[in-house]
Amino acid sequence: MNNIDSDLQTRWWSLEAKLVERFGKKPDMETILFLVGIQEFGDIRSKFTKEQKQDLMHVAVCSLFAQSGYYELERVDEDGWPHFNQLKPLPVMNLIEQENFMKDHVLLYFTNNNFLD
């Protein structure tokens, strides 16, 4: 593991610890994406359909990668759902690189939203 990966892992563990503190259990990536999606959608309800949960995770991924210029918010529809345009293709990566790319964007998101220092 090189220094960049080590730093990323350390920051990731810090985020997980804060989320455990907040929610009482360690969330997986899917749960984190769901939380980001709800944050971006702005409507906290007790129940979402399976399709809405998938849509929320899609909103999360687009929102996360918008931070690096891969997507931009195009519009918000009449039901409050954000819609995005893809501006450039995502880099081709292996599975570990994809996971780290996603983690890096999640960490940036939580830092930008004042959840992490």
N, C-alpha and C. Protein backbone atom coordinates (compact mmCIF):
# COMPACT_ATOMS: atom_id res chain seq x y z
N MET A 1 0.86 -1.19 0.00
CA MET A 1 0.00 0.00 0.00
C MET A 1 0.90 1.24 0.00
N ASN A 2 0.71 2.13 -0.95
CA ASN A 2 1.53 3.34 -0.98
C ASN A 2 0.95 4.40 -0.05
N ASN A 3 1.64 5.52 0.08
CA ASN A 3 1.23 6.57 1.02
C ASN A 3 -0.14 7.16 0.69
N ILE A 4 -0.43 7.32 -0.61
CA ILE A 4 -1.72 7.89 -1.00
C ILE A 4 -2.85 6.95 -0.58
N ASP A 5 -2.68 5.66 -0.86
CA ASP A 5 -3.70 4.68 -0.46
C ASP A 5 -3.84 4.63 1.06
N SER A 6 -2.71 4.72 1.76
CA SER A 6 -2.71 4.68 3.21
C SER A 6 -3.45 5.88 3.79
N ASP A 7 -3.19 7.07 3.22
CA ASP A 7 -3.88 8.29 3.66
C ASP A 7 -5.38 8.19 3.40
N LEU A 8 -5.73 7.71 2.22
CA LEU A 8 -7.14 7.53 1.87
C LEU A 8 -7.81 6.59 2.87
N GLN A 9 -7.16 5.48 3.17
CA GLN A 9 -7.73 4.50 4.10
C GLN A 9 -7.90 5.10 5.49
N THR A 10 -6.93 5.87 5.94
CA THR A 10 -7.01 6.51 7.25
C THR A 10 -8.19 7.49 7.31
N ARG A 11 -8.31 8.31 6.25
CA ARG A 11 -9.43 9.26 6.19
C ARG A 11 -10.76 8.53 6.10
N TRP A 12 -10.79 7.40 5.40
CA TRP A 12 -12.01 6.61 5.26
C TRP A 12 -12.44 6.05 6.62
N TRP A 13 -11.47 5.53 7.37
CA TRP A 13 -11.78 4.99 8.70
C TRP A 13 -12.31 6.09 9.61
N SER A 14 -11.78 7.28 9.46
CA SER A 14 -12.25 8.42 10.25
C SER A 14 -13.72 8.73 9.92
N LEU A 15 -14.05 8.71 8.63
CA LEU A 15 -15.44 8.94 8.22
C LEU A 15 -16.34 7.83 8.77
N GLU A 16 -15.91 6.59 8.63
CA GLU A 16 -16.71 5.47 9.15
C GLU A 16 -16.96 5.62 10.65
N ALA A 17 -15.93 6.02 11.38
CA ALA A 17 -16.08 6.20 12.84
C ALA A 17 -17.11 7.28 13.14
N LYS A 18 -17.08 8.38 12.38
CA LYS A 18 -18.07 9.45 12.60
C LYS A 18 -19.48 8.97 12.27
N LEU A 19 -19.61 8.18 11.22
CA LEU A 19 -20.94 7.67 10.83
C LEU A 19 -21.45 6.66 11.85
N VAL A 20 -20.55 5.86 12.41
CA VAL A 20 -20.94 4.92 13.48
C VAL A 20 -21.43 5.71 14.68
N GLU A 21 -20.71 6.77 15.02
CA GLU A 21 -21.10 7.66 16.13
C GLU A 21 -22.51 8.21 15.90
N ARG A 22 -22.77 8.61 14.66
CA ARG A 22 -24.04 9.25 14.31
C ARG A 22 -25.19 8.27 14.19
N PHE A 23 -24.93 7.08 13.60
CA PHE A 23 -26.02 6.15 13.28
C PHE A 23 -25.99 4.85 14.07
N GLY A 24 -24.94 4.62 14.82
CA GLY A 24 -24.89 3.44 15.68
C GLY A 24 -24.39 2.18 15.00
N LYS A 25 -24.09 2.23 13.70
CA LYS A 25 -23.49 1.07 13.04
C LYS A 25 -22.69 1.53 11.83
N LYS A 26 -21.77 0.66 11.40
CA LYS A 26 -20.88 1.01 10.30
C LYS A 26 -21.61 0.82 8.97
N PRO A 27 -21.73 1.89 8.19
CA PRO A 27 -22.43 1.77 6.91
C PRO A 27 -21.51 1.24 5.81
N ASP A 28 -22.08 0.48 4.87
CA ASP A 28 -21.32 0.08 3.69
C ASP A 28 -21.44 1.18 2.64
N MET A 29 -20.76 1.01 1.52
CA MET A 29 -20.75 2.04 0.48
C MET A 29 -22.17 2.32 -0.03
N GLU A 30 -22.96 1.28 -0.18
CA GLU A 30 -24.34 1.45 -0.66
C GLU A 30 -25.13 2.36 0.28
N THR A 31 -24.98 2.15 1.57
CA THR A 31 -25.68 2.97 2.57
C THR A 31 -25.19 4.41 2.53
N ILE A 32 -23.88 4.58 2.37
CA ILE A 32 -23.32 5.94 2.28
C ILE A 32 -23.87 6.65 1.05
N LEU A 33 -23.94 5.95 -0.08
CA LEU A 33 -24.51 6.54 -1.30
C LEU A 33 -25.98 6.91 -1.07
N PHE A 34 -26.70 6.06 -0.38
CA PHE A 34 -28.10 6.32 -0.07
C PHE A 34 -28.23 7.60 0.77
N LEU A 35 -27.35 7.74 1.78
CA LEU A 35 -27.36 8.95 2.63
C LEU A 35 -27.06 10.21 1.82
N VAL A 36 -26.06 10.13 0.94
CA VAL A 36 -25.71 11.27 0.09
C VAL A 36 -26.89 11.60 -0.82
N GLY A 37 -27.53 10.57 -1.37
CA GLY A 37 -28.68 10.77 -2.25
C GLY A 37 -29.82 11.48 -1.53
N ILE A 38 -30.11 11.06 -0.31
CA ILE A 38 -31.17 11.71 0.48
C ILE A 38 -30.79 13.17 0.75
N GLN A 39 -29.53 13.39 1.08
CA GLN A 39 -29.05 14.75 1.34
C GLN A 39 -29.25 15.63 0.11
N GLU A 40 -28.91 15.12 -1.06
CA GLU A 40 -29.02 15.88 -2.30
C GLU A 40 -30.47 16.06 -2.73
N PHE A 41 -31.28 15.03 -2.50
CA PHE A 41 -32.70 15.09 -2.85
C PHE A 41 -33.44 16.05 -1.92
N GLY A 42 -33.01 16.05 -0.65
CA GLY A 42 -33.54 17.01 0.31
C GLY A 42 -34.88 16.63 0.93
N ASP A 43 -35.32 15.41 0.69
CA ASP A 43 -36.61 14.97 1.24
C ASP A 43 -36.36 13.74 2.09
N ILE A 44 -36.45 13.91 3.39
CA ILE A 44 -36.20 12.78 4.29
C ILE A 44 -37.53 12.17 4.66
N ARG A 45 -37.79 11.00 4.14
CA ARG A 45 -39.01 10.29 4.49
C ARG A 45 -38.64 8.96 5.13
N SER A 46 -39.63 8.33 5.72
CA SER A 46 -39.32 7.07 6.38
C SER A 46 -39.28 5.92 5.39
N LYS A 47 -39.95 6.05 4.27
CA LYS A 47 -40.01 4.95 3.30
C LYS A 47 -39.73 5.45 1.89
N PHE A 48 -38.87 4.71 1.20
CA PHE A 48 -38.63 4.92 -0.22
C PHE A 48 -38.87 3.57 -0.91
N THR A 49 -39.41 3.61 -2.12
CA THR A 49 -39.56 2.37 -2.88
C THR A 49 -38.17 1.90 -3.31
N LYS A 50 -38.10 0.64 -3.74
CA LYS A 50 -36.82 0.10 -4.22
C LYS A 50 -36.30 0.96 -5.37
N GLU A 51 -37.18 1.35 -6.27
CA GLU A 51 -36.80 2.18 -7.42
C GLU A 51 -36.28 3.55 -6.96
N GLN A 52 -36.96 4.14 -5.98
CA GLN A 52 -36.52 5.44 -5.45
C GLN A 52 -35.15 5.32 -4.79
N LYS A 53 -34.91 4.21 -4.09
CA LYS A 53 -33.60 4.00 -3.46
C LYS A 53 -32.51 3.93 -4.53
N GLN A 54 -32.80 3.25 -5.64
CA GLN A 54 -31.83 3.18 -6.75
C GLN A 54 -31.61 4.57 -7.34
N ASP A 55 -32.71 5.32 -7.50
CA ASP A 55 -32.61 6.69 -8.02
C ASP A 55 -31.77 7.57 -7.09
N LEU A 56 -31.97 7.41 -5.78
CA LEU A 56 -31.20 8.19 -4.80
C LEU A 56 -29.70 7.88 -4.90
N MET A 57 -29.38 6.60 -5.10
CA MET A 57 -27.98 6.22 -5.22
C MET A 57 -27.39 6.76 -6.52
N HIS A 58 -28.18 6.82 -7.58
CA HIS A 58 -27.74 7.41 -8.84
C HIS A 58 -27.48 8.92 -8.66
N VAL A 59 -28.40 9.59 -7.97
CA VAL A 59 -28.23 11.02 -7.66
C VAL A 59 -26.94 11.22 -6.88
N ALA A 60 -26.67 10.33 -5.92
CA ALA A 60 -25.46 10.42 -5.11
C ALA A 60 -24.21 10.30 -5.98
N VAL A 61 -24.16 9.30 -6.83
CA VAL A 61 -22.99 9.09 -7.68
C VAL A 61 -22.76 10.31 -8.58
N CYS A 62 -23.82 10.80 -9.20
CA CYS A 62 -23.70 11.99 -10.06
C CYS A 62 -23.24 13.21 -9.25
N SER A 63 -23.81 13.38 -8.07
CA SER A 63 -23.43 14.51 -7.21
C SER A 63 -21.96 14.41 -6.79
N LEU A 64 -21.54 13.20 -6.43
CA LEU A 64 -20.15 13.01 -6.01
C LEU A 64 -19.19 13.32 -7.15
N PHE A 65 -19.49 12.80 -8.34
CA PHE A 65 -18.58 12.99 -9.47
C PHE A 65 -18.73 14.37 -10.11
N ALA A 66 -19.79 15.09 -9.79
CA ALA A 66 -19.93 16.48 -10.24
C ALA A 66 -18.84 17.34 -9.60
N GLN A 67 -18.40 16.93 -8.41
CA GLN A 67 -17.33 17.67 -7.71
C GLN A 67 -16.05 17.73 -8.54
N SER A 68 -15.85 16.75 -9.42
CA SER A 68 -14.65 16.69 -10.26
C SER A 68 -14.95 16.99 -11.72
N GLY A 69 -16.14 17.52 -11.98
CA GLY A 69 -16.46 17.94 -13.34
C GLY A 69 -16.90 16.84 -14.29
N TYR A 70 -17.24 15.66 -13.75
CA TYR A 70 -17.72 14.59 -14.62
C TYR A 70 -19.20 14.75 -14.96
N TYR A 71 -19.94 15.34 -14.04
CA TYR A 71 -21.37 15.59 -14.22
C TYR A 71 -21.68 17.02 -13.84
N GLU A 72 -22.82 17.51 -14.32
CA GLU A 72 -23.34 18.79 -13.84
C GLU A 72 -24.84 18.63 -13.65
N LEU A 73 -25.36 19.38 -12.69
CA LEU A 73 -26.79 19.38 -12.46
C LEU A 73 -27.46 20.09 -13.63
N GLU A 74 -28.37 19.40 -14.28
CA GLU A 74 -29.08 19.97 -15.43
C GLU A 74 -30.33 20.71 -14.96
N ARG A 75 -31.11 20.01 -14.13
CA ARG A 75 -32.35 20.61 -13.64
C ARG A 75 -32.88 19.78 -12.49
N VAL A 76 -33.86 20.34 -11.80
CA VAL A 76 -34.59 19.61 -10.78
C VAL A 76 -36.04 19.54 -11.27
N ASP A 77 -36.60 18.34 -11.35
CA ASP A 77 -37.95 18.20 -11.90
C ASP A 77 -39.02 18.62 -10.90
N GLU A 78 -40.27 18.56 -11.32
CA GLU A 78 -41.39 19.05 -10.50
C GLU A 78 -41.57 18.26 -9.20
N ASP A 79 -41.01 17.04 -9.15
CA ASP A 79 -41.09 16.24 -7.92
C ASP A 79 -39.86 16.43 -7.04
N GLY A 80 -38.96 17.32 -7.46
CA GLY A 80 -37.77 17.60 -6.65
C GLY A 80 -36.56 16.75 -6.95
N TRP A 81 -36.66 15.89 -7.98
CA TRP A 81 -35.54 15.01 -8.31
C TRP A 81 -34.52 15.73 -9.18
N PRO A 82 -33.24 15.71 -8.79
CA PRO A 82 -32.19 16.31 -9.62
C PRO A 82 -31.91 15.44 -10.85
N HIS A 83 -31.62 16.09 -11.97
CA HIS A 83 -31.21 15.40 -13.19
C HIS A 83 -29.87 15.95 -13.63
N PHE A 84 -28.98 15.07 -14.07
CA PHE A 84 -27.61 15.44 -14.38
C PHE A 84 -27.26 15.18 -15.84
N ASN A 85 -26.30 15.95 -16.34
CA ASN A 85 -25.66 15.71 -17.63
C ASN A 85 -24.26 15.19 -17.36
N GLN A 86 -23.85 14.15 -18.09
CA GLN A 86 -22.46 13.70 -17.99
C GLN A 86 -21.63 14.57 -18.92
N LEU A 87 -20.58 15.19 -18.38
CA LEU A 87 -19.74 16.10 -19.15
C LEU A 87 -18.55 15.42 -19.79
N LYS A 88 -18.03 14.39 -19.12
CA LYS A 88 -16.89 13.65 -19.66
C LYS A 88 -16.95 12.23 -19.11
N PRO A 89 -16.36 11.29 -19.85
CA PRO A 89 -16.40 9.90 -19.38
C PRO A 89 -15.55 9.71 -18.11
N LEU A 90 -15.97 8.80 -17.29
CA LEU A 90 -15.18 8.47 -16.10
C LEU A 90 -13.94 7.69 -16.55
N PRO A 91 -12.84 7.83 -15.82
CA PRO A 91 -11.62 7.10 -16.21
C PRO A 91 -11.82 5.59 -16.12
N VAL A 92 -11.12 4.88 -16.97
CA VAL A 92 -11.15 3.40 -16.93
C VAL A 92 -10.25 2.96 -15.79
N MET A 93 -10.81 2.15 -14.87
CA MET A 93 -10.05 1.74 -13.69
C MET A 93 -10.38 0.30 -13.35
N ASN A 94 -9.46 -0.33 -12.63
CA ASN A 94 -9.78 -1.65 -12.10
C ASN A 94 -10.66 -1.49 -10.86
N LEU A 95 -11.09 -2.59 -10.30
CA LEU A 95 -12.05 -2.56 -9.19
C LEU A 95 -11.52 -1.79 -7.97
N ILE A 96 -10.27 -2.01 -7.61
CA ILE A 96 -9.70 -1.34 -6.44
C ILE A 96 -9.58 0.16 -6.71
N GLU A 97 -9.14 0.53 -7.91
CA GLU A 97 -9.04 1.94 -8.26
C GLU A 97 -10.42 2.59 -8.26
N GLN A 98 -11.44 1.87 -8.76
CA GLN A 98 -12.81 2.40 -8.74
C GLN A 98 -13.28 2.67 -7.32
N GLU A 99 -13.00 1.71 -6.43
CA GLU A 99 -13.40 1.85 -5.03
C GLU A 99 -12.71 3.05 -4.39
N ASN A 100 -11.42 3.21 -4.64
CA ASN A 100 -10.68 4.34 -4.08
C ASN A 100 -11.14 5.67 -4.66
N PHE A 101 -11.46 5.68 -5.95
CA PHE A 101 -11.98 6.87 -6.63
C PHE A 101 -13.29 7.30 -5.98
N MET A 102 -14.15 6.32 -5.73
CA MET A 102 -15.44 6.59 -5.09
C MET A 102 -15.22 7.08 -3.66
N LYS A 103 -14.36 6.40 -2.91
CA LYS A 103 -14.09 6.79 -1.52
C LYS A 103 -13.56 8.23 -1.46
N ASP A 104 -12.66 8.55 -2.38
CA ASP A 104 -12.08 9.89 -2.42
C ASP A 104 -13.17 10.94 -2.62
N HIS A 105 -14.10 10.67 -3.50
CA HIS A 105 -15.20 11.61 -3.78
C HIS A 105 -16.18 11.69 -2.60
N VAL A 106 -16.42 10.57 -1.94
CA VAL A 106 -17.27 10.57 -0.74
C VAL A 106 -16.62 11.42 0.34
N LEU A 107 -15.31 11.25 0.56
CA LEU A 107 -14.60 12.03 1.57
C LEU A 107 -14.64 13.52 1.24
N LEU A 108 -14.44 13.86 -0.03
CA LEU A 108 -14.51 15.25 -0.45
C LEU A 108 -15.91 15.82 -0.17
N TYR A 109 -16.93 15.04 -0.48
CA TYR A 109 -18.31 15.46 -0.26
C TYR A 109 -18.57 15.76 1.22
N PHE A 110 -18.17 14.82 2.09
CA PHE A 110 -18.41 15.00 3.52
C PHE A 110 -17.56 16.15 4.09
N THR A 111 -16.37 16.37 3.53
CA THR A 111 -15.55 17.50 3.95
C THR A 111 -16.21 18.81 3.52
N ASN A 112 -16.66 18.86 2.27
CA ASN A 112 -17.31 20.08 1.75
C ASN A 112 -18.62 20.39 2.47
N ASN A 113 -19.25 19.37 3.04
CA ASN A 113 -20.50 19.57 3.77
C ASN A 113 -20.28 19.64 5.28
N ASN A 114 -19.01 19.91 5.65
CA ASN A 114 -18.64 20.13 7.06
C ASN A 114 -18.95 18.98 7.99
N PHE A 115 -18.91 17.75 7.46
CA PHE A 115 -19.09 16.59 8.32
C PHE A 115 -17.72 16.07 8.78
N LEU A 116 -16.70 16.36 7.97
CA LEU A 116 -15.32 15.98 8.31
C LEU A 116 -14.47 17.23 8.34
N ASP A 117 -13.40 17.18 9.10
CA ASP A 117 -12.46 18.32 9.18
C ASP A 117 -11.59 18.35 7.94
